[in-house]
């Protein structure tokens, strides 16, 4: 429980930011799951569109400091590897 007026405001701000950050992270995770499903179904067009959306979302999250820069790079790199390996198996 905050003791001062400013501490109460900071708590409200933190809760608001946490909700926003969790919403963005959840969106990225759900897009990644959709991409993996599209790769399993061998749907190249959908996978390519999803990859572009994911890449954009990850970059925006990294820019807003929701994800760390290296985490964002790692996620994009691993997704790229998955996409490239699925193309090779076809």
N, C-alpha and C. Protein backbone atom coordinates (compact mmCIF):
# COMPACT_ATOMS: atom_id res chain seq x y z
N UNK A 1 0.84 -1.18 0.00
CA UNK A 1 0.00 0.00 0.00
C UNK A 1 0.89 1.25 0.00
N UNK A 2 0.70 2.14 -0.99
CA UNK A 2 1.53 3.34 -1.07
C UNK A 2 1.24 4.30 0.09
N UNK A 3 2.31 4.95 0.55
CA UNK A 3 2.18 5.86 1.68
C UNK A 3 1.92 7.30 1.27
N UNK A 4 2.40 7.69 0.11
CA UNK A 4 2.25 9.09 -0.32
C UNK A 4 1.40 9.16 -1.58
N UNK A 5 1.00 10.39 -1.90
CA UNK A 5 0.18 10.62 -3.07
C UNK A 5 0.95 10.26 -4.35
N UNK A 6 2.23 10.64 -4.37
CA UNK A 6 3.04 10.35 -5.56
C UNK A 6 3.29 8.85 -5.72
N UNK A 7 3.43 8.15 -4.60
CA UNK A 7 3.62 6.70 -4.66
C UNK A 7 2.37 6.02 -5.19
N UNK A 8 1.20 6.54 -4.84
CA UNK A 8 -0.06 5.99 -5.34
C UNK A 8 -0.16 6.19 -6.85
N UNK A 9 0.27 7.36 -7.30
CA UNK A 9 0.23 7.64 -8.74
C UNK A 9 1.21 6.72 -9.48
N UNK A 10 2.39 6.54 -8.93
CA UNK A 10 3.38 5.65 -9.55
C UNK A 10 2.84 4.22 -9.65
N UNK A 11 2.14 3.79 -8.63
CA UNK A 11 1.54 2.46 -8.65
C UNK A 11 0.52 2.33 -9.77
N UNK A 12 -0.30 3.36 -9.94
CA UNK A 12 -1.29 3.36 -11.02
C UNK A 12 -0.59 3.32 -12.38
N UNK A 13 0.45 4.10 -12.53
CA UNK A 13 1.19 4.13 -13.79
C UNK A 13 1.83 2.78 -14.08
N UNK A 14 2.40 2.17 -13.05
CA UNK A 14 3.05 0.87 -13.22
C UNK A 14 2.04 -0.19 -13.64
N UNK A 15 0.88 -0.19 -13.01
CA UNK A 15 -0.16 -1.16 -13.37
C UNK A 15 -0.60 -0.98 -14.82
N UNK A 16 -0.76 0.27 -15.22
CA UNK A 16 -1.18 0.57 -16.59
C UNK A 16 -0.13 0.11 -17.60
N UNK A 17 1.14 0.40 -17.31
CA UNK A 17 2.23 0.00 -18.20
C UNK A 17 2.37 -1.52 -18.26
N UNK A 18 2.21 -2.17 -17.12
CA UNK A 18 2.31 -3.63 -17.07
C UNK A 18 1.24 -4.28 -17.94
N UNK A 19 0.02 -3.76 -17.86
CA UNK A 19 -1.07 -4.29 -18.69
C UNK A 19 -0.75 -4.12 -20.16
N UNK A 20 -0.24 -2.94 -20.53
CA UNK A 20 0.09 -2.67 -21.93
C UNK A 20 1.19 -3.62 -22.40
N UNK A 21 2.24 -3.76 -21.59
CA UNK A 21 3.37 -4.62 -21.95
C UNK A 21 2.93 -6.08 -22.10
N UNK A 22 2.11 -6.55 -21.17
CA UNK A 22 1.63 -7.93 -21.24
C UNK A 22 0.76 -8.16 -22.47
N UNK A 23 -0.05 -7.16 -22.83
CA UNK A 23 -0.90 -7.27 -24.01
C UNK A 23 -0.04 -7.39 -25.27
N UNK A 24 1.00 -6.58 -25.35
CA UNK A 24 1.88 -6.62 -26.52
C UNK A 24 2.64 -7.94 -26.58
N UNK A 25 3.18 -8.40 -25.46
CA UNK A 25 3.90 -9.68 -25.43
C UNK A 25 2.98 -10.84 -25.81
N UNK A 26 1.76 -10.80 -25.31
CA UNK A 26 0.78 -11.85 -25.62
C UNK A 26 0.46 -11.87 -27.11
N UNK A 27 0.34 -10.69 -27.69
CA UNK A 27 0.06 -10.59 -29.12
C UNK A 27 1.20 -11.20 -29.93
N UNK A 28 2.43 -10.92 -29.55
CA UNK A 28 3.58 -11.49 -30.24
C UNK A 28 3.57 -13.01 -30.13
N UNK A 29 3.31 -13.52 -28.94
CA UNK A 29 3.28 -14.97 -28.73
C UNK A 29 2.20 -15.63 -29.57
N UNK A 30 1.02 -15.03 -29.64
CA UNK A 30 -0.06 -15.62 -30.42
C UNK A 30 0.25 -15.58 -31.91
N UNK A 31 0.91 -14.52 -32.37
CA UNK A 31 1.31 -14.46 -33.78
C UNK A 31 2.34 -15.55 -34.10
N UNK A 32 3.25 -15.78 -33.17
CA UNK A 32 4.26 -16.82 -33.37
C UNK A 32 3.60 -18.20 -33.45
N UNK A 33 2.62 -18.44 -32.60
CA UNK A 33 1.90 -19.72 -32.64
C UNK A 33 1.17 -19.90 -33.96
N UNK A 34 0.57 -18.81 -34.48
CA UNK A 34 -0.11 -18.88 -35.77
C UNK A 34 0.89 -19.19 -36.88
N UNK A 35 2.07 -18.58 -36.79
CA UNK A 35 3.10 -18.82 -37.80
C UNK A 35 3.54 -20.28 -37.79
N UNK A 36 3.76 -20.82 -36.61
CA UNK A 36 4.17 -22.23 -36.50
C UNK A 36 3.10 -23.16 -37.05
N UNK A 37 1.85 -22.82 -36.81
CA UNK A 37 0.75 -23.63 -37.35
C UNK A 37 0.73 -23.54 -38.88
N UNK A 38 0.95 -22.34 -39.39
CA UNK A 38 0.98 -22.16 -40.85
C UNK A 38 2.14 -22.92 -41.48
N UNK A 39 3.27 -22.98 -40.79
CA UNK A 39 4.42 -23.73 -41.30
C UNK A 39 4.13 -25.23 -41.31
N UNK A 40 3.42 -25.71 -40.30
CA UNK A 40 3.05 -27.13 -40.25
C UNK A 40 2.06 -27.47 -41.37
N UNK A 41 1.17 -26.54 -41.66
CA UNK A 41 0.17 -26.75 -42.71
C UNK A 41 0.74 -26.47 -44.09
N UNK A 42 2.02 -26.11 -44.15
CA UNK A 42 2.74 -25.76 -45.38
C UNK A 42 2.00 -24.68 -46.18
N UNK A 43 1.57 -23.65 -45.47
CA UNK A 43 0.89 -22.52 -46.11
C UNK A 43 1.88 -21.36 -46.21
N UNK A 44 2.61 -21.30 -47.32
CA UNK A 44 3.71 -20.35 -47.47
C UNK A 44 3.24 -18.89 -47.48
N UNK A 45 2.17 -18.62 -48.17
CA UNK A 45 1.71 -17.23 -48.30
C UNK A 45 1.31 -16.67 -46.93
N UNK A 46 0.54 -17.43 -46.19
CA UNK A 46 0.12 -17.01 -44.86
C UNK A 46 1.31 -16.86 -43.93
N UNK A 47 2.25 -17.79 -44.02
CA UNK A 47 3.43 -17.75 -43.17
C UNK A 47 4.25 -16.50 -43.44
N UNK A 48 4.40 -16.16 -44.70
CA UNK A 48 5.19 -14.98 -45.06
C UNK A 48 4.53 -13.70 -44.53
N UNK A 49 3.21 -13.61 -44.67
CA UNK A 49 2.48 -12.44 -44.16
C UNK A 49 2.59 -12.35 -42.64
N UNK A 50 2.45 -13.48 -41.98
CA UNK A 50 2.56 -13.50 -40.52
C UNK A 50 3.97 -13.12 -40.07
N UNK A 51 4.97 -13.59 -40.78
CA UNK A 51 6.35 -13.28 -40.41
C UNK A 51 6.60 -11.77 -40.48
N UNK A 52 6.06 -11.13 -41.49
CA UNK A 52 6.22 -9.67 -41.61
C UNK A 52 5.54 -8.97 -40.44
N UNK A 53 4.34 -9.42 -40.08
CA UNK A 53 3.62 -8.84 -38.93
C UNK A 53 4.39 -9.05 -37.63
N UNK A 54 4.91 -10.25 -37.45
CA UNK A 54 5.66 -10.57 -36.23
C UNK A 54 6.91 -9.71 -36.14
N UNK A 55 7.61 -9.61 -37.25
CA UNK A 55 8.85 -8.83 -37.27
C UNK A 55 8.56 -7.38 -36.89
N UNK A 56 7.51 -6.83 -37.42
CA UNK A 56 7.12 -5.45 -37.11
C UNK A 56 6.76 -5.31 -35.63
N UNK A 57 5.98 -6.26 -35.12
CA UNK A 57 5.56 -6.20 -33.72
C UNK A 57 6.75 -6.32 -32.77
N UNK A 58 7.69 -7.20 -33.11
CA UNK A 58 8.88 -7.38 -32.27
C UNK A 58 9.73 -6.11 -32.29
N UNK A 59 9.90 -5.52 -33.47
CA UNK A 59 10.69 -4.29 -33.57
C UNK A 59 10.06 -3.15 -32.77
N UNK A 60 8.75 -3.03 -32.85
CA UNK A 60 8.06 -1.99 -32.09
C UNK A 60 8.20 -2.21 -30.59
N UNK A 61 8.09 -3.46 -30.17
CA UNK A 61 8.23 -3.78 -28.75
C UNK A 61 9.64 -3.48 -28.26
N UNK A 62 10.63 -3.76 -29.09
CA UNK A 62 12.02 -3.48 -28.71
C UNK A 62 12.26 -1.97 -28.65
N UNK A 63 11.65 -1.25 -29.55
CA UNK A 63 11.81 0.21 -29.58
C UNK A 63 11.20 0.85 -28.33
N UNK A 64 10.08 0.29 -27.88
CA UNK A 64 9.41 0.83 -26.68
C UNK A 64 9.99 0.25 -25.40
N UNK A 65 11.05 -0.56 -25.51
CA UNK A 65 11.72 -1.18 -24.37
C UNK A 65 10.84 -2.21 -23.65
N UNK A 66 9.91 -2.79 -24.37
CA UNK A 66 9.09 -3.86 -23.81
C UNK A 66 9.89 -5.16 -23.87
N UNK A 67 10.59 -5.34 -24.99
CA UNK A 67 11.54 -6.44 -25.14
C UNK A 67 12.93 -5.83 -25.23
N UNK A 68 13.91 -6.56 -24.71
CA UNK A 68 15.29 -6.09 -24.86
C UNK A 68 15.73 -6.30 -26.31
N UNK A 69 16.70 -5.51 -26.71
CA UNK A 69 17.16 -5.53 -28.10
C UNK A 69 17.64 -6.92 -28.52
N UNK A 70 18.44 -7.55 -27.68
CA UNK A 70 18.97 -8.87 -28.03
C UNK A 70 17.88 -9.94 -28.04
N UNK A 71 16.90 -9.80 -27.15
CA UNK A 71 15.78 -10.75 -27.13
C UNK A 71 15.00 -10.65 -28.43
N UNK A 72 14.77 -9.43 -28.88
CA UNK A 72 14.06 -9.21 -30.13
C UNK A 72 14.83 -9.82 -31.29
N UNK A 73 16.13 -9.60 -31.31
CA UNK A 73 16.97 -10.15 -32.38
C UNK A 73 16.94 -11.67 -32.37
N UNK A 74 17.01 -12.25 -31.18
CA UNK A 74 17.01 -13.70 -31.05
C UNK A 74 15.69 -14.29 -31.56
N UNK A 75 14.58 -13.67 -31.17
CA UNK A 75 13.27 -14.16 -31.62
C UNK A 75 13.16 -14.13 -33.14
N UNK A 76 13.56 -13.01 -33.73
CA UNK A 76 13.48 -12.87 -35.19
C UNK A 76 14.40 -13.88 -35.88
N UNK A 77 15.58 -14.07 -35.32
CA UNK A 77 16.53 -15.00 -35.91
C UNK A 77 15.99 -16.43 -35.90
N UNK A 78 15.44 -16.83 -34.78
CA UNK A 78 14.91 -18.20 -34.67
C UNK A 78 13.72 -18.42 -35.60
N UNK A 79 12.88 -17.40 -35.75
CA UNK A 79 11.74 -17.52 -36.65
C UNK A 79 12.23 -17.63 -38.10
N UNK A 80 13.24 -16.85 -38.44
CA UNK A 80 13.80 -16.91 -39.78
C UNK A 80 14.35 -18.30 -40.07
N UNK A 81 15.05 -18.87 -39.09
CA UNK A 81 15.58 -20.23 -39.26
C UNK A 81 14.46 -21.23 -39.50
N UNK A 82 13.36 -21.10 -38.73
CA UNK A 82 12.23 -22.02 -38.91
C UNK A 82 11.65 -21.91 -40.31
N UNK A 83 11.48 -20.68 -40.77
CA UNK A 83 10.91 -20.47 -42.10
C UNK A 83 11.83 -21.04 -43.17
N UNK A 84 13.12 -20.76 -43.05
CA UNK A 84 14.07 -21.26 -44.05
C UNK A 84 14.16 -22.78 -44.05
N UNK A 85 14.12 -23.38 -42.86
CA UNK A 85 14.20 -24.84 -42.81
C UNK A 85 12.92 -25.48 -43.36
N UNK A 86 11.79 -24.83 -43.21
CA UNK A 86 10.56 -25.39 -43.76
C UNK A 86 10.56 -25.31 -45.29
N UNK A 87 11.22 -24.30 -45.83
CA UNK A 87 11.32 -24.19 -47.29
C UNK A 87 12.23 -25.28 -47.85
N UNK A 88 13.31 -25.60 -47.10
CA UNK A 88 14.26 -26.61 -47.56
C UNK A 88 13.64 -27.99 -47.58
N UNK A 89 12.75 -28.27 -46.63
CA UNK A 89 12.17 -29.61 -46.54
C UNK A 89 11.14 -29.86 -47.65
N UNK A 90 10.71 -28.82 -48.30
CA UNK A 90 9.69 -28.99 -49.36
C UNK A 90 10.28 -29.39 -50.67
